[in-house]
């Protein structure tokens, strides 16, 4: 880019007025380090390989236990992703991202539990189906 092209170039026109000119991204948020990204990556690989091994090797005979362990490891992996890659903790943005996540989880749990409760009771409380083939 030439000097003349830079003369008319301002950072305000590109929305770059919030950080230093050196592109240091010093916005007060934790962006993670190489070590934290590497830790998250290694944990994610381990938490992916374990369920794959459990299923492919057939280590556990009971399928329900295998499913329960896989779901538990999936939940742990979600937490690993949120902590190491999304940088969600109690200090980022004054804890508002964590509070928003908790609120979202509560709403999702209420919606899912309520839907399952309604579907179960609709199935139980339905009137018996009359067999119309035997009617005169």
N, C-alpha and C. Protein backbone atom coordinates (compact mmCIF):
# COMPACT_ATOMS: atom_id res chain seq x y z
N UNK A 1 0.85 -1.15 0.00
CA UNK A 1 0.00 0.00 0.00
C UNK A 1 0.91 1.23 0.00
N UNK A 2 0.63 2.18 -0.83
CA UNK A 2 1.49 3.35 -0.94
C UNK A 2 1.21 4.34 0.18
N UNK A 3 2.13 5.35 0.29
CA UNK A 3 1.97 6.37 1.33
C UNK A 3 0.74 7.22 1.05
N UNK A 4 0.43 7.47 -0.25
CA UNK A 4 -0.75 8.27 -0.58
C UNK A 4 -2.03 7.53 -0.20
N UNK A 5 -2.04 6.26 -0.38
CA UNK A 5 -3.23 5.49 -0.01
C UNK A 5 -3.41 5.47 1.50
N UNK A 6 -2.28 5.49 2.26
CA UNK A 6 -2.35 5.51 3.70
C UNK A 6 -2.78 6.87 4.23
N UNK A 7 -2.54 7.94 3.44
CA UNK A 7 -2.88 9.28 3.90
C UNK A 7 -4.38 9.41 4.15
N UNK A 8 -5.20 8.84 3.31
CA UNK A 8 -6.64 8.91 3.48
C UNK A 8 -7.19 7.79 4.34
N UNK A 9 -6.34 6.95 4.82
CA UNK A 9 -6.74 5.77 5.58
C UNK A 9 -6.79 6.11 7.07
N UNK A 10 -7.92 5.95 7.66
CA UNK A 10 -7.99 6.14 9.10
C UNK A 10 -8.54 4.88 9.73
N UNK A 11 -8.12 4.63 10.93
CA UNK A 11 -8.58 3.43 11.61
C UNK A 11 -10.04 3.54 12.02
N UNK A 12 -10.53 4.76 12.19
CA UNK A 12 -11.92 4.92 12.57
C UNK A 12 -12.86 4.41 11.49
N UNK A 13 -12.43 4.54 10.21
CA UNK A 13 -13.30 4.08 9.14
C UNK A 13 -13.41 2.57 9.08
N UNK A 14 -12.48 1.88 9.70
CA UNK A 14 -12.53 0.42 9.70
C UNK A 14 -12.94 -0.15 11.05
N UNK A 15 -13.30 0.68 11.99
CA UNK A 15 -13.69 0.20 13.29
C UNK A 15 -12.52 -0.24 14.13
N UNK A 16 -11.32 0.26 13.85
CA UNK A 16 -10.14 -0.15 14.60
C UNK A 16 -9.77 0.87 15.66
N UNK A 17 -10.70 1.66 16.09
CA UNK A 17 -10.35 2.70 17.05
C UNK A 17 -10.33 2.21 18.48
N UNK A 18 -10.62 0.95 18.71
CA UNK A 18 -10.69 0.46 20.08
C UNK A 18 -9.40 -0.16 20.59
N UNK A 19 -8.40 -0.32 19.74
CA UNK A 19 -7.17 -0.92 20.24
C UNK A 19 -5.98 -0.17 19.71
N UNK A 20 -4.85 -0.53 20.27
CA UNK A 20 -3.62 0.18 19.90
C UNK A 20 -3.27 -0.07 18.45
N UNK A 21 -2.47 0.84 17.89
CA UNK A 21 -2.09 0.72 16.49
C UNK A 21 -1.24 -0.51 16.23
N UNK A 22 -0.57 -1.00 17.24
CA UNK A 22 0.28 -2.18 17.09
C UNK A 22 -0.50 -3.47 17.03
N UNK A 23 -1.81 -3.42 16.98
CA UNK A 23 -2.68 -4.60 16.89
C UNK A 23 -2.40 -5.58 18.01
N UNK A 24 -2.24 -5.05 19.20
CA UNK A 24 -1.96 -5.89 20.35
C UNK A 24 -3.20 -6.52 20.94
N UNK A 25 -4.39 -6.11 20.51
CA UNK A 25 -5.66 -6.64 21.00
C UNK A 25 -5.72 -6.55 22.51
N UNK A 26 -5.34 -5.42 23.05
CA UNK A 26 -5.38 -5.22 24.48
C UNK A 26 -6.75 -4.68 24.87
N UNK A 27 -7.75 -5.54 24.82
CA UNK A 27 -9.10 -5.12 25.16
C UNK A 27 -9.50 -5.58 26.56
N UNK A 28 -8.52 -6.04 27.32
CA UNK A 28 -8.80 -6.45 28.68
C UNK A 28 -9.36 -7.85 28.82
N UNK A 29 -9.50 -8.58 27.72
CA UNK A 29 -10.04 -9.93 27.77
C UNK A 29 -8.90 -10.93 27.65
N UNK A 30 -9.14 -12.08 28.24
CA UNK A 30 -8.15 -13.13 28.17
C UNK A 30 -8.27 -13.84 26.83
N UNK A 31 -7.19 -13.81 26.05
CA UNK A 31 -7.20 -14.46 24.75
C UNK A 31 -6.52 -15.81 24.79
N UNK A 32 -6.04 -16.22 25.93
CA UNK A 32 -5.39 -17.51 26.04
C UNK A 32 -3.96 -17.48 25.56
N UNK A 33 -3.25 -18.49 25.94
CA UNK A 33 -1.85 -18.59 25.54
C UNK A 33 -1.67 -19.85 24.71
N UNK A 34 -0.48 -19.98 24.16
CA UNK A 34 -0.17 -21.17 23.38
C UNK A 34 -0.33 -22.42 24.26
N UNK A 35 0.11 -22.31 25.51
CA UNK A 35 0.03 -23.44 26.43
C UNK A 35 -1.42 -23.81 26.72
N UNK A 36 -2.30 -22.81 26.90
CA UNK A 36 -3.70 -23.13 27.21
C UNK A 36 -4.40 -23.74 25.99
N UNK A 37 -4.07 -23.23 24.79
CA UNK A 37 -4.67 -23.84 23.59
C UNK A 37 -4.18 -25.27 23.41
N UNK A 38 -2.89 -25.49 23.67
CA UNK A 38 -2.33 -26.84 23.53
C UNK A 38 -2.94 -27.78 24.56
N UNK A 39 -3.12 -27.31 25.78
CA UNK A 39 -3.76 -28.12 26.82
C UNK A 39 -5.19 -28.48 26.42
N UNK A 40 -5.93 -27.50 25.92
CA UNK A 40 -7.29 -27.77 25.48
C UNK A 40 -7.34 -28.76 24.33
N UNK A 41 -6.39 -28.63 23.40
CA UNK A 41 -6.36 -29.54 22.26
C UNK A 41 -6.07 -30.97 22.71
N UNK A 42 -5.08 -31.12 23.61
CA UNK A 42 -4.72 -32.46 24.08
C UNK A 42 -5.88 -33.08 24.86
N UNK A 43 -6.51 -32.30 25.72
CA UNK A 43 -7.67 -32.83 26.46
C UNK A 43 -8.81 -33.21 25.52
N UNK A 44 -9.02 -32.41 24.48
CA UNK A 44 -10.08 -32.73 23.52
C UNK A 44 -9.79 -34.02 22.78
N UNK A 45 -8.54 -34.21 22.40
CA UNK A 45 -8.17 -35.45 21.70
C UNK A 45 -8.36 -36.65 22.61
N UNK A 46 -7.91 -36.53 23.86
CA UNK A 46 -8.07 -37.64 24.81
C UNK A 46 -9.55 -37.94 25.04
N UNK A 47 -10.35 -36.89 25.19
CA UNK A 47 -11.78 -37.09 25.45
C UNK A 47 -12.52 -37.58 24.22
N UNK A 48 -11.90 -37.52 23.06
CA UNK A 48 -12.49 -38.10 21.85
C UNK A 48 -12.03 -39.53 21.65
N UNK A 49 -10.79 -39.82 21.96
CA UNK A 49 -10.23 -41.15 21.75
C UNK A 49 -10.83 -42.16 22.72
N UNK A 50 -11.07 -41.77 23.95
CA UNK A 50 -11.61 -42.71 24.94
C UNK A 50 -12.97 -43.27 24.52
N UNK A 51 -13.96 -42.45 24.14
CA UNK A 51 -15.23 -43.04 23.68
C UNK A 51 -15.07 -43.87 22.41
N UNK A 52 -14.20 -43.44 21.52
CA UNK A 52 -13.96 -44.21 20.30
C UNK A 52 -13.43 -45.59 20.65
N UNK A 53 -12.49 -45.65 21.58
CA UNK A 53 -11.93 -46.94 22.02
C UNK A 53 -13.00 -47.78 22.70
N UNK A 54 -13.81 -47.16 23.56
CA UNK A 54 -14.84 -47.92 24.27
C UNK A 54 -15.81 -48.58 23.30
N UNK A 55 -16.16 -47.89 22.25
CA UNK A 55 -17.12 -48.43 21.29
C UNK A 55 -16.45 -49.44 20.36
N UNK A 56 -15.30 -49.11 19.83
CA UNK A 56 -14.67 -49.98 18.83
C UNK A 56 -14.14 -51.27 19.45
N UNK A 57 -13.61 -51.21 20.68
CA UNK A 57 -13.07 -52.40 21.31
C UNK A 57 -14.12 -53.18 22.08
N UNK A 58 -15.27 -52.57 22.33
CA UNK A 58 -16.32 -53.25 23.08
C UNK A 58 -15.89 -53.58 24.49
N UNK A 59 -15.25 -52.65 25.14
CA UNK A 59 -14.69 -52.87 26.47
C UNK A 59 -15.79 -53.15 27.49
N UNK A 60 -16.87 -52.41 27.43
CA UNK A 60 -17.96 -52.56 28.39
C UNK A 60 -19.10 -53.31 27.71
N UNK A 61 -19.54 -54.40 28.36
CA UNK A 61 -20.58 -55.23 27.77
C UNK A 61 -21.94 -54.54 27.74
N UNK A 62 -22.25 -53.83 28.82
CA UNK A 62 -23.56 -53.18 28.95
C UNK A 62 -23.57 -51.91 28.10
N UNK A 63 -24.48 -51.86 27.12
CA UNK A 63 -24.54 -50.71 26.22
C UNK A 63 -25.00 -49.44 26.94
N UNK A 64 -25.87 -49.61 27.94
CA UNK A 64 -26.34 -48.43 28.67
C UNK A 64 -25.21 -47.75 29.42
N UNK A 65 -24.32 -48.53 30.01
CA UNK A 65 -23.16 -47.95 30.70
C UNK A 65 -22.22 -47.28 29.70
N UNK A 66 -22.06 -47.90 28.56
CA UNK A 66 -21.21 -47.29 27.53
C UNK A 66 -21.77 -45.96 27.10
N UNK A 67 -23.08 -45.90 26.89
CA UNK A 67 -23.72 -44.64 26.49
C UNK A 67 -23.58 -43.60 27.60
N UNK A 68 -23.78 -44.02 28.84
CA UNK A 68 -23.66 -43.08 29.96
C UNK A 68 -22.24 -42.51 30.07
N UNK A 69 -21.24 -43.36 29.88
CA UNK A 69 -19.85 -42.89 29.95
C UNK A 69 -19.55 -41.94 28.79
N UNK A 70 -20.04 -42.27 27.60
CA UNK A 70 -19.80 -41.40 26.44
C UNK A 70 -20.47 -40.04 26.65
N UNK A 71 -21.69 -40.04 27.17
CA UNK A 71 -22.37 -38.76 27.43
C UNK A 71 -21.62 -37.95 28.48
N UNK A 72 -21.14 -38.63 29.53
CA UNK A 72 -20.38 -37.92 30.57
C UNK A 72 -19.09 -37.32 29.99
N UNK A 73 -18.40 -38.08 29.15
CA UNK A 73 -17.18 -37.55 28.54
C UNK A 73 -17.50 -36.42 27.56
N UNK A 74 -18.64 -36.49 26.91
CA UNK A 74 -19.04 -35.40 26.01
C UNK A 74 -19.30 -34.12 26.80
N UNK A 75 -19.92 -34.25 27.95
CA UNK A 75 -20.16 -33.06 28.79
C UNK A 75 -18.84 -32.47 29.27
N UNK A 76 -17.90 -33.34 29.64
CA UNK A 76 -16.58 -32.86 30.06
C UNK A 76 -15.89 -32.15 28.90
N UNK A 77 -16.04 -32.70 27.71
CA UNK A 77 -15.41 -32.07 26.55
C UNK A 77 -16.04 -30.70 26.23
N UNK A 78 -17.34 -30.58 26.44
CA UNK A 78 -17.99 -29.28 26.27
C UNK A 78 -17.38 -28.25 27.22
N UNK A 79 -17.17 -28.67 28.46
CA UNK A 79 -16.57 -27.77 29.45
C UNK A 79 -15.14 -27.40 29.04
N UNK A 80 -14.39 -28.39 28.56
CA UNK A 80 -13.01 -28.11 28.11
C UNK A 80 -13.02 -27.08 26.98
N UNK A 81 -13.92 -27.24 26.04
CA UNK A 81 -13.99 -26.28 24.93
C UNK A 81 -14.36 -24.88 25.42
N UNK A 82 -15.31 -24.83 26.36
CA UNK A 82 -15.73 -23.51 26.85
C UNK A 82 -14.61 -22.82 27.62
N UNK A 83 -13.84 -23.58 28.37
CA UNK A 83 -12.79 -22.98 29.19
C UNK A 83 -11.56 -22.64 28.35
N UNK A 84 -11.07 -23.58 27.53
CA UNK A 84 -9.81 -23.39 26.85
C UNK A 84 -9.93 -22.68 25.50
N UNK A 85 -11.05 -22.81 24.83
CA UNK A 85 -11.17 -22.19 23.50
C UNK A 85 -12.08 -20.97 23.50
N UNK A 86 -13.14 -21.00 24.30
CA UNK A 86 -14.05 -19.85 24.35
C UNK A 86 -13.71 -18.90 25.49
N UNK A 87 -12.76 -19.31 26.35
CA UNK A 87 -12.25 -18.49 27.46
C UNK A 87 -13.38 -18.04 28.38
N UNK A 88 -14.30 -18.94 28.64
CA UNK A 88 -15.41 -18.61 29.55
C UNK A 88 -15.00 -18.98 30.96
N UNK A 89 -14.89 -17.98 31.78
CA UNK A 89 -14.61 -18.19 33.19
C UNK A 89 -15.27 -17.08 33.98
N UNK A 90 -15.04 -17.08 35.26
CA UNK A 90 -15.73 -16.10 36.11
C UNK A 90 -15.15 -14.70 35.97
N UNK A 91 -13.95 -14.57 35.39
CA UNK A 91 -13.33 -13.25 35.29
C UNK A 91 -13.55 -12.57 33.94
N UNK A 92 -13.87 -13.32 32.88
CA UNK A 92 -14.05 -12.71 31.57
C UNK A 92 -15.35 -11.92 31.52
N UNK A 93 -15.27 -10.69 31.06
CA UNK A 93 -16.41 -9.77 30.95
C UNK A 93 -17.14 -9.63 32.27
N UNK A 94 -16.40 -9.65 33.35
CA UNK A 94 -17.00 -9.48 34.67
C UNK A 94 -17.90 -10.63 35.07
N UNK A 95 -17.73 -11.79 34.45
CA UNK A 95 -18.54 -12.95 34.78
C UNK A 95 -19.86 -13.02 34.03
N UNK A 96 -20.11 -12.07 33.14
CA UNK A 96 -21.40 -12.04 32.43
C UNK A 96 -21.52 -13.16 31.41
N UNK A 97 -20.43 -13.58 30.79
CA UNK A 97 -20.54 -14.68 29.83
C UNK A 97 -20.91 -15.96 30.54
N UNK A 98 -20.33 -16.17 31.71
CA UNK A 98 -20.68 -17.37 32.48
C UNK A 98 -22.12 -17.30 32.97
N UNK A 99 -22.55 -16.13 33.40
CA UNK A 99 -23.94 -15.99 33.84
C UNK A 99 -24.90 -16.21 32.68
N UNK A 100 -24.57 -15.70 31.50
CA UNK A 100 -25.42 -15.91 30.33
C UNK A 100 -25.48 -17.39 29.97
N UNK A 101 -24.36 -18.08 30.09
CA UNK A 101 -24.35 -19.51 29.81
C UNK A 101 -25.21 -20.27 30.81
N UNK A 102 -25.08 -19.95 32.07
CA UNK A 102 -25.89 -20.62 33.10
C UNK A 102 -27.37 -20.36 32.87
N UNK A 103 -27.73 -19.11 32.55
CA UNK A 103 -29.13 -18.80 32.27
C UNK A 103 -29.63 -19.58 31.06
N UNK A 104 -28.82 -19.67 30.01
CA UNK A 104 -29.20 -20.43 28.83
C UNK A 104 -29.41 -21.90 29.16
N UNK A 105 -28.50 -22.47 29.95
CA UNK A 105 -28.64 -23.87 30.33
C UNK A 105 -29.90 -24.11 31.16
N UNK A 106 -30.21 -23.18 32.06
CA UNK A 106 -31.43 -23.33 32.86
C UNK A 106 -32.67 -23.30 31.97
N UNK A 107 -32.70 -22.38 31.02
CA UNK A 107 -33.86 -22.28 30.12
C UNK A 107 -33.98 -23.54 29.26
N UNK A 108 -32.86 -24.05 28.77
CA UNK A 108 -32.90 -25.26 27.94
C UNK A 108 -33.36 -26.46 28.76
N UNK A 109 -32.86 -26.59 29.98
CA UNK A 109 -33.27 -27.71 30.84
C UNK A 109 -34.76 -27.63 31.15
N UNK A 110 -35.25 -26.43 31.46
CA UNK A 110 -36.68 -26.27 31.74
C UNK A 110 -37.51 -26.62 30.51
N UNK A 111 -37.09 -26.16 29.34
CA UNK A 111 -37.84 -26.44 28.11
C UNK A 111 -37.84 -27.94 27.79
N UNK A 112 -36.68 -28.58 27.92
CA UNK A 112 -36.61 -30.01 27.63
C UNK A 112 -37.39 -30.83 28.65
N UNK A 113 -37.20 -30.53 29.93
CA UNK A 113 -37.92 -31.28 30.97
C UNK A 113 -39.42 -31.07 30.85
N UNK A 114 -39.83 -29.85 30.59
CA UNK A 114 -41.26 -29.57 30.43
C UNK A 114 -41.84 -30.28 29.22
N UNK A 115 -41.11 -30.30 28.13
CA UNK A 115 -41.59 -30.99 26.93
C UNK A 115 -41.72 -32.48 27.17
N UNK A 116 -40.72 -33.07 27.82
CA UNK A 116 -40.78 -34.50 28.10
C UNK A 116 -41.92 -34.82 29.07
N UNK A 117 -42.12 -33.95 30.07
CA UNK A 117 -43.20 -34.17 31.04
C UNK A 117 -44.56 -34.09 30.34
N UNK A 118 -44.74 -33.11 29.49
CA UNK A 118 -46.02 -32.97 28.78
C UNK A 118 -46.24 -34.16 27.85
N UNK A 119 -45.22 -34.58 27.12
CA UNK A 119 -45.41 -35.70 26.20
C UNK A 119 -45.72 -36.99 26.96
N UNK A 120 -45.05 -37.21 28.10
CA UNK A 120 -45.32 -38.41 28.88
C UNK A 120 -46.75 -38.42 29.39
N UNK A 121 -47.20 -37.31 29.94
CA UNK A 121 -48.55 -37.26 30.49
C UNK A 121 -49.60 -37.26 29.39
N UNK A 122 -49.34 -36.74 28.26
CA UNK A 122 -50.28 -36.86 27.16
C UNK A 122 -50.44 -38.30 26.74
N UNK A 123 -49.36 -39.04 26.72
CA UNK A 123 -49.41 -40.43 26.35
C UNK A 123 -50.16 -41.25 27.39
N UNK A 124 -49.94 -40.97 28.67
CA UNK A 124 -50.58 -41.73 29.75
C UNK A 124 -52.05 -41.37 29.87
N UNK A 125 -52.40 -40.12 29.72
CA UNK A 125 -53.77 -39.67 29.95
C UNK A 125 -54.64 -39.69 28.71
N UNK A 126 -54.15 -40.20 27.64
CA UNK A 126 -54.98 -40.28 26.43
C UNK A 126 -56.10 -41.28 26.67
N UNK A 127 -57.21 -40.99 26.08
CA UNK A 127 -58.32 -41.92 26.19
C UNK A 127 -57.98 -43.18 25.41
N UNK A 128 -58.49 -44.31 25.89
CA UNK A 128 -58.18 -45.55 25.18
C UNK A 128 -58.75 -45.53 23.76
N UNK A 129 -58.01 -46.10 22.91
CA UNK A 129 -58.43 -46.14 21.51
C UNK A 129 -59.44 -47.27 21.35
N UNK A 130 -60.56 -46.93 20.81
CA UNK A 130 -61.60 -47.94 20.58
C UNK A 130 -61.33 -48.64 19.27
N UNK A 131 -61.52 -49.92 19.33
CA UNK A 131 -61.33 -50.70 18.12
C UNK A 131 -62.59 -50.58 17.27
N UNK A 132 -62.52 -49.85 16.21
CA UNK A 132 -63.69 -49.55 15.39
C UNK A 132 -64.06 -50.70 14.45
N UNK A 133 -63.23 -51.69 14.37
CA UNK A 133 -63.53 -52.79 13.45
C UNK A 133 -64.66 -53.67 13.95
N UNK A 134 -64.87 -53.74 15.28
CA UNK A 134 -65.90 -54.62 15.84
C UNK A 134 -67.24 -53.92 16.01
N UNK A 135 -67.36 -52.68 15.62
CA UNK A 135 -68.61 -51.95 15.78
C UNK A 135 -69.59 -52.36 14.69
N UNK A 136 -70.88 -52.38 15.06
CA UNK A 136 -71.87 -52.79 14.06
C UNK A 136 -72.05 -51.83 12.92
